């Protein structure tokens, strides 16, 4: 499983990192399997990583589960957990798949996209 880093960085740092990857690819060097979710402003990062989303992320990392199971385990409303999962999925932190239920129906199963998630912010 990959590593994900969620961090605050300037646009120039973001593009410099992209140039380094492009140069490595041009040389035929392997690009390390990692994912970076970058924000220019710490307030934007904090909008994504609310206290409840961090708890949700920790729970998913510990035990992947359905949205209903996560809501029950975290003692939260299912619709609120669904919104938080959609936000985390949009930023590439979790993955949601549909699994068939025995008999009929489907459930959305949430798994982390990385085994390690690193948060970096410099004020």
N, C-alpha and C. Protein backbone atom coordinates (compact mmCIF):
# COMPACT_ATOMS: atom_id res chain seq x y z
N UNK A 1 0.84 -1.19 0.00
CA UNK A 1 0.00 0.00 0.00
C UNK A 1 0.89 1.25 0.00
N UNK A 2 0.43 2.28 -0.59
CA UNK A 2 1.20 3.52 -0.73
C UNK A 2 1.21 4.36 0.54
N UNK A 3 2.02 5.40 0.45
CA UNK A 3 2.07 6.41 1.50
C UNK A 3 1.38 7.65 0.95
N UNK A 4 0.60 8.32 1.79
CA UNK A 4 -0.05 9.57 1.41
C UNK A 4 0.43 10.66 2.34
N UNK A 5 0.78 11.79 1.77
CA UNK A 5 1.14 12.95 2.59
C UNK A 5 0.16 14.06 2.28
N UNK A 6 -0.40 14.63 3.32
CA UNK A 6 -1.30 15.78 3.19
C UNK A 6 -0.53 16.95 3.77
N UNK A 7 -0.30 17.98 2.94
CA UNK A 7 0.56 19.06 3.42
C UNK A 7 0.19 20.41 2.84
N UNK A 8 0.80 21.41 3.47
CA UNK A 8 0.70 22.79 3.00
C UNK A 8 2.00 23.09 2.27
N UNK A 9 1.90 23.59 1.05
CA UNK A 9 3.10 23.97 0.31
C UNK A 9 2.76 25.06 -0.69
N UNK A 10 3.73 25.85 -1.03
CA UNK A 10 3.52 26.93 -1.98
C UNK A 10 3.36 26.36 -3.39
N UNK A 11 2.79 27.17 -4.26
CA UNK A 11 2.62 26.75 -5.65
C UNK A 11 3.98 26.48 -6.29
N UNK A 12 4.98 27.29 -5.96
CA UNK A 12 6.31 27.08 -6.55
C UNK A 12 6.91 25.75 -6.09
N UNK A 13 6.70 25.37 -4.85
CA UNK A 13 7.19 24.07 -4.37
C UNK A 13 6.45 22.93 -5.06
N UNK A 14 5.15 23.10 -5.25
CA UNK A 14 4.34 22.10 -5.93
C UNK A 14 4.89 21.85 -7.34
N UNK A 15 5.13 22.93 -8.08
CA UNK A 15 5.62 22.79 -9.45
C UNK A 15 7.06 22.27 -9.49
N UNK A 16 7.87 22.64 -8.52
CA UNK A 16 9.24 22.13 -8.45
C UNK A 16 9.23 20.62 -8.24
N UNK A 17 8.34 20.14 -7.37
CA UNK A 17 8.22 18.70 -7.14
C UNK A 17 7.80 18.00 -8.43
N UNK A 18 6.87 18.61 -9.17
CA UNK A 18 6.43 18.05 -10.45
C UNK A 18 7.57 17.99 -11.46
N UNK A 19 8.39 19.04 -11.49
CA UNK A 19 9.54 19.04 -12.42
C UNK A 19 10.53 17.92 -12.07
N UNK A 20 10.75 17.69 -10.78
CA UNK A 20 11.66 16.61 -10.36
C UNK A 20 11.15 15.25 -10.81
N UNK A 21 9.84 15.03 -10.68
CA UNK A 21 9.26 13.77 -11.13
C UNK A 21 9.37 13.64 -12.65
N UNK A 22 9.14 14.74 -13.36
CA UNK A 22 9.23 14.71 -14.82
C UNK A 22 10.65 14.40 -15.28
N UNK A 23 11.63 15.01 -14.63
CA UNK A 23 13.04 14.74 -14.97
C UNK A 23 13.39 13.29 -14.69
N UNK A 24 12.92 12.76 -13.57
CA UNK A 24 13.18 11.36 -13.23
C UNK A 24 12.55 10.45 -14.29
N UNK A 25 11.33 10.76 -14.70
CA UNK A 25 10.66 9.96 -15.73
C UNK A 25 11.40 10.04 -17.06
N UNK A 26 11.90 11.24 -17.41
CA UNK A 26 12.67 11.41 -18.65
C UNK A 26 13.94 10.55 -18.65
N UNK A 27 14.56 10.42 -17.46
CA UNK A 27 15.77 9.60 -17.34
C UNK A 27 15.45 8.11 -17.28
N UNK A 28 14.18 7.79 -17.13
CA UNK A 28 13.79 6.39 -17.02
C UNK A 28 13.85 5.88 -15.59
N UNK A 29 14.06 6.79 -14.64
CA UNK A 29 14.10 6.40 -13.23
C UNK A 29 12.70 6.09 -12.74
N UNK A 30 12.58 5.14 -11.81
CA UNK A 30 11.24 4.86 -11.28
C UNK A 30 10.75 6.02 -10.40
N UNK A 31 9.47 6.25 -10.44
CA UNK A 31 8.86 7.27 -9.58
C UNK A 31 8.29 6.55 -8.37
N UNK A 32 8.68 6.97 -7.17
CA UNK A 32 8.22 6.25 -5.98
C UNK A 32 6.70 6.28 -5.84
N UNK A 33 6.12 5.15 -5.42
CA UNK A 33 4.66 5.10 -5.28
C UNK A 33 4.20 5.86 -4.03
N UNK A 34 3.81 7.10 -4.23
CA UNK A 34 3.30 7.90 -3.12
C UNK A 34 2.26 8.87 -3.66
N UNK A 35 1.56 9.49 -2.75
CA UNK A 35 0.52 10.44 -3.13
C UNK A 35 0.66 11.65 -2.23
N UNK A 36 0.60 12.84 -2.82
CA UNK A 36 0.66 14.08 -2.05
C UNK A 36 -0.60 14.88 -2.34
N UNK A 37 -1.28 15.25 -1.27
CA UNK A 37 -2.42 16.16 -1.37
C UNK A 37 -1.93 17.48 -0.80
N UNK A 38 -1.78 18.49 -1.66
CA UNK A 38 -1.16 19.75 -1.24
C UNK A 38 -2.17 20.89 -1.24
N UNK A 39 -2.03 21.74 -0.23
CA UNK A 39 -2.85 22.93 -0.09
C UNK A 39 -1.92 24.13 0.02
N UNK A 40 -2.29 25.24 -0.59
CA UNK A 40 -1.49 26.46 -0.47
C UNK A 40 -1.70 27.14 0.87
N UNK A 41 -2.85 26.92 1.47
CA UNK A 41 -3.20 27.63 2.70
C UNK A 41 -3.60 26.63 3.78
N UNK A 42 -3.11 26.83 4.98
CA UNK A 42 -3.42 25.90 6.08
C UNK A 42 -4.90 25.86 6.38
N UNK A 43 -5.61 26.97 6.17
CA UNK A 43 -7.06 26.97 6.41
C UNK A 43 -7.79 26.02 5.48
N UNK A 44 -7.30 25.89 4.23
CA UNK A 44 -7.89 24.94 3.29
C UNK A 44 -7.66 23.50 3.76
N UNK A 45 -6.46 23.23 4.26
CA UNK A 45 -6.16 21.90 4.79
C UNK A 45 -7.07 21.59 5.98
N UNK A 46 -7.26 22.57 6.85
CA UNK A 46 -8.09 22.35 8.03
C UNK A 46 -9.57 22.20 7.68
N UNK A 47 -9.99 22.72 6.54
CA UNK A 47 -11.37 22.49 6.09
C UNK A 47 -11.56 21.03 5.70
N UNK A 48 -10.53 20.43 5.12
CA UNK A 48 -10.60 19.00 4.77
C UNK A 48 -10.47 18.14 6.02
N UNK A 49 -9.49 18.43 6.84
CA UNK A 49 -9.19 17.57 7.98
C UNK A 49 -9.81 18.11 9.26
N UNK A 50 -11.13 18.06 9.32
CA UNK A 50 -11.81 18.42 10.55
C UNK A 50 -11.55 17.33 11.59
N UNK A 51 -11.84 17.62 12.83
CA UNK A 51 -11.61 16.64 13.90
C UNK A 51 -12.40 15.36 13.63
N UNK A 52 -13.64 15.47 13.16
CA UNK A 52 -14.45 14.29 12.90
C UNK A 52 -13.93 13.49 11.71
N UNK A 53 -13.40 14.16 10.71
CA UNK A 53 -12.84 13.44 9.56
C UNK A 53 -11.55 12.73 9.93
N UNK A 54 -10.78 13.34 10.81
CA UNK A 54 -9.55 12.68 11.28
C UNK A 54 -9.91 11.41 12.04
N UNK A 55 -10.92 11.48 12.91
CA UNK A 55 -11.37 10.27 13.63
C UNK A 55 -11.89 9.22 12.65
N UNK A 56 -12.63 9.65 11.64
CA UNK A 56 -13.13 8.74 10.62
C UNK A 56 -11.97 8.08 9.88
N UNK A 57 -10.99 8.88 9.51
CA UNK A 57 -9.82 8.36 8.80
C UNK A 57 -9.05 7.35 9.65
N UNK A 58 -8.88 7.64 10.93
CA UNK A 58 -8.22 6.70 11.84
C UNK A 58 -8.99 5.39 11.92
N UNK A 59 -10.31 5.48 11.99
CA UNK A 59 -11.14 4.27 12.08
C UNK A 59 -11.03 3.44 10.81
N UNK A 60 -11.08 4.10 9.65
CA UNK A 60 -10.98 3.39 8.38
C UNK A 60 -9.60 2.74 8.25
N UNK A 61 -8.59 3.44 8.70
CA UNK A 61 -7.23 2.90 8.63
C UNK A 61 -7.09 1.67 9.53
N UNK A 62 -7.72 1.73 10.69
CA UNK A 62 -7.68 0.61 11.63
C UNK A 62 -8.49 -0.58 11.11
N UNK A 63 -9.71 -0.31 10.65
CA UNK A 63 -10.60 -1.37 10.18
C UNK A 63 -11.47 -0.84 9.05
N UNK A 64 -11.16 -1.18 7.81
CA UNK A 64 -12.05 -0.79 6.71
C UNK A 64 -13.46 -1.33 6.98
N UNK A 65 -14.47 -0.55 6.61
CA UNK A 65 -15.84 -0.93 6.92
C UNK A 65 -16.82 -0.22 6.00
N UNK A 66 -18.08 -0.60 6.12
CA UNK A 66 -19.13 0.08 5.36
C UNK A 66 -19.42 1.42 6.03
N UNK A 67 -20.07 2.29 5.29
CA UNK A 67 -20.43 3.59 5.83
C UNK A 67 -21.34 3.43 7.04
N UNK A 68 -22.29 2.52 6.96
CA UNK A 68 -23.20 2.29 8.10
C UNK A 68 -22.44 1.82 9.33
N UNK A 69 -21.50 0.90 9.14
CA UNK A 69 -20.72 0.39 10.27
C UNK A 69 -19.86 1.50 10.87
N UNK A 70 -19.28 2.33 10.01
CA UNK A 70 -18.46 3.44 10.50
C UNK A 70 -19.31 4.43 11.30
N UNK A 71 -20.50 4.73 10.79
CA UNK A 71 -21.39 5.66 11.50
C UNK A 71 -21.74 5.11 12.88
N UNK A 72 -22.03 3.83 12.94
CA UNK A 72 -22.38 3.21 14.22
C UNK A 72 -21.19 3.21 15.18
N UNK A 73 -20.03 2.84 14.67
CA UNK A 73 -18.83 2.77 15.50
C UNK A 73 -18.42 4.15 16.03
N UNK A 74 -18.61 5.18 15.20
CA UNK A 74 -18.23 6.54 15.58
C UNK A 74 -19.37 7.31 16.25
N UNK A 75 -20.52 6.66 16.36
CA UNK A 75 -21.69 7.27 16.98
C UNK A 75 -22.06 8.58 16.27
N UNK A 76 -22.15 8.48 14.94
CA UNK A 76 -22.48 9.64 14.12
C UNK A 76 -23.63 9.30 13.18
N UNK A 77 -24.27 10.32 12.66
CA UNK A 77 -25.33 10.15 11.69
C UNK A 77 -24.73 9.61 10.39
N UNK A 78 -25.43 8.66 9.78
CA UNK A 78 -24.93 8.02 8.57
C UNK A 78 -24.73 9.03 7.43
N UNK A 79 -25.65 9.99 7.30
CA UNK A 79 -25.53 10.97 6.21
C UNK A 79 -24.30 11.87 6.41
N UNK A 80 -23.98 12.19 7.65
CA UNK A 80 -22.78 13.01 7.93
C UNK A 80 -21.51 12.23 7.59
N UNK A 81 -21.50 10.95 7.94
CA UNK A 81 -20.35 10.10 7.61
C UNK A 81 -20.23 9.96 6.09
N UNK A 82 -21.35 9.81 5.41
CA UNK A 82 -21.33 9.73 3.94
C UNK A 82 -20.71 10.98 3.34
N UNK A 83 -21.11 12.15 3.80
CA UNK A 83 -20.53 13.41 3.28
C UNK A 83 -19.03 13.47 3.55
N UNK A 84 -18.63 13.07 4.74
CA UNK A 84 -17.19 13.11 5.07
C UNK A 84 -16.40 12.11 4.23
N UNK A 85 -16.96 10.93 4.01
CA UNK A 85 -16.30 9.92 3.17
C UNK A 85 -16.17 10.44 1.74
N UNK A 86 -17.22 11.08 1.22
CA UNK A 86 -17.16 11.64 -0.13
C UNK A 86 -16.06 12.70 -0.25
N UNK A 87 -15.92 13.53 0.77
CA UNK A 87 -14.88 14.56 0.76
C UNK A 87 -13.49 13.91 0.78
N UNK A 88 -13.29 12.95 1.66
CA UNK A 88 -12.00 12.27 1.75
C UNK A 88 -11.68 11.50 0.46
N UNK A 89 -12.71 10.94 -0.16
CA UNK A 89 -12.50 10.24 -1.42
C UNK A 89 -12.13 11.22 -2.53
N UNK A 90 -12.78 12.37 -2.55
CA UNK A 90 -12.50 13.39 -3.57
C UNK A 90 -11.03 13.82 -3.54
N UNK A 91 -10.45 13.85 -2.34
CA UNK A 91 -9.05 14.25 -2.20
C UNK A 91 -8.09 13.07 -2.24
N UNK A 92 -8.59 11.88 -2.53
CA UNK A 92 -7.72 10.73 -2.73
C UNK A 92 -7.14 10.13 -1.47
N UNK A 93 -7.87 10.23 -0.36
CA UNK A 93 -7.37 9.70 0.90
C UNK A 93 -8.00 8.33 1.21
N UNK A 94 -9.25 8.15 0.78
CA UNK A 94 -9.92 6.86 0.95
C UNK A 94 -10.49 6.41 -0.39
N UNK A 95 -10.82 5.13 -0.45
CA UNK A 95 -11.43 4.54 -1.65
C UNK A 95 -12.75 3.91 -1.25
N UNK A 96 -13.78 4.13 -2.06
CA UNK A 96 -15.10 3.58 -1.78
C UNK A 96 -15.47 2.61 -2.90
N UNK A 97 -15.87 1.41 -2.50
CA UNK A 97 -16.34 0.41 -3.46
C UNK A 97 -17.72 -0.07 -3.02
N UNK A 98 -18.48 -0.56 -3.98
CA UNK A 98 -19.78 -1.13 -3.65
C UNK A 98 -19.63 -2.64 -3.55
N UNK A 99 -20.13 -3.19 -2.46
CA UNK A 99 -20.12 -4.63 -2.27
C UNK A 99 -21.56 -5.12 -2.19
N UNK A 100 -21.85 -6.24 -2.84
CA UNK A 100 -23.22 -6.76 -2.75
C UNK A 100 -23.48 -7.31 -1.35
N UNK A 101 -24.70 -7.11 -0.89
CA UNK A 101 -25.13 -7.68 0.37
C UNK A 101 -25.72 -9.06 0.12
N UNK A 102 -25.55 -9.98 1.04
CA UNK A 102 -26.17 -11.30 0.86
C UNK A 102 -27.69 -11.14 0.73
N UNK A 103 -28.24 -11.70 -0.29
CA UNK A 103 -29.68 -11.62 -0.51
C UNK A 103 -30.03 -10.53 -1.51
N UNK A 104 -29.83 -9.27 -1.12
CA UNK A 104 -30.13 -8.17 -2.04
C UNK A 104 -29.45 -6.89 -1.56
N UNK A 105 -29.35 -5.95 -2.44
CA UNK A 105 -28.81 -4.65 -2.09
C UNK A 105 -27.29 -4.57 -2.18
N UNK A 106 -26.80 -3.39 -1.90
CA UNK A 106 -25.36 -3.12 -1.93
C UNK A 106 -25.01 -2.25 -0.74
N UNK A 107 -23.75 -2.27 -0.39
CA UNK A 107 -23.26 -1.34 0.63
C UNK A 107 -21.95 -0.74 0.16
N UNK A 108 -21.70 0.48 0.59
CA UNK A 108 -20.45 1.15 0.22
C UNK A 108 -19.41 0.83 1.27
N UNK A 109 -18.28 0.31 0.81
CA UNK A 109 -17.20 -0.13 1.67
C UNK A 109 -16.05 0.87 1.54
N UNK A 110 -15.53 1.34 2.67
CA UNK A 110 -14.52 2.39 2.69
C UNK A 110 -13.19 1.79 3.14
N UNK A 111 -12.14 2.02 2.34
CA UNK A 111 -10.80 1.56 2.67
C UNK A 111 -9.82 2.72 2.48
N UNK A 112 -8.72 2.72 3.23
CA UNK A 112 -7.72 3.78 3.04
C UNK A 112 -6.95 3.52 1.75
N UNK A 113 -6.52 4.57 1.09
CA UNK A 113 -5.70 4.41 -0.11
C UNK A 113 -4.23 4.25 0.22
N UNK A 114 -3.87 4.46 1.48
CA UNK A 114 -2.47 4.36 1.87
C UNK A 114 -2.36 3.71 3.24
N UNK A 115 -1.27 3.00 3.42
CA UNK A 115 -1.00 2.40 4.73
C UNK A 115 -0.49 3.41 5.71
N UNK A 116 0.10 4.46 5.19
CA UNK A 116 0.66 5.52 6.03
C UNK A 116 0.17 6.86 5.54
N UNK A 117 -0.31 7.69 6.45
CA UNK A 117 -0.75 9.03 6.11
C UNK A 117 0.04 10.01 6.98
N UNK A 118 0.73 10.90 6.31
CA UNK A 118 1.58 11.88 6.99
C UNK A 118 1.00 13.27 6.79
N UNK A 119 0.87 14.02 7.87
CA UNK A 119 0.38 15.39 7.80
C UNK A 119 1.55 16.34 8.01
N UNK A 120 1.71 17.32 7.13
CA UNK A 120 2.81 18.27 7.24
C UNK A 120 2.26 19.69 7.05
N UNK A 121 2.51 20.53 8.02
CA UNK A 121 2.12 21.93 7.89
C UNK A 121 3.15 22.79 8.62
N UNK A 122 3.60 23.81 7.96
CA UNK A 122 4.55 24.74 8.55
C UNK A 122 3.87 26.11 8.56
N UNK A 123 3.83 26.70 9.73
CA UNK A 123 3.18 28.02 9.84
C UNK A 123 4.21 29.13 9.65
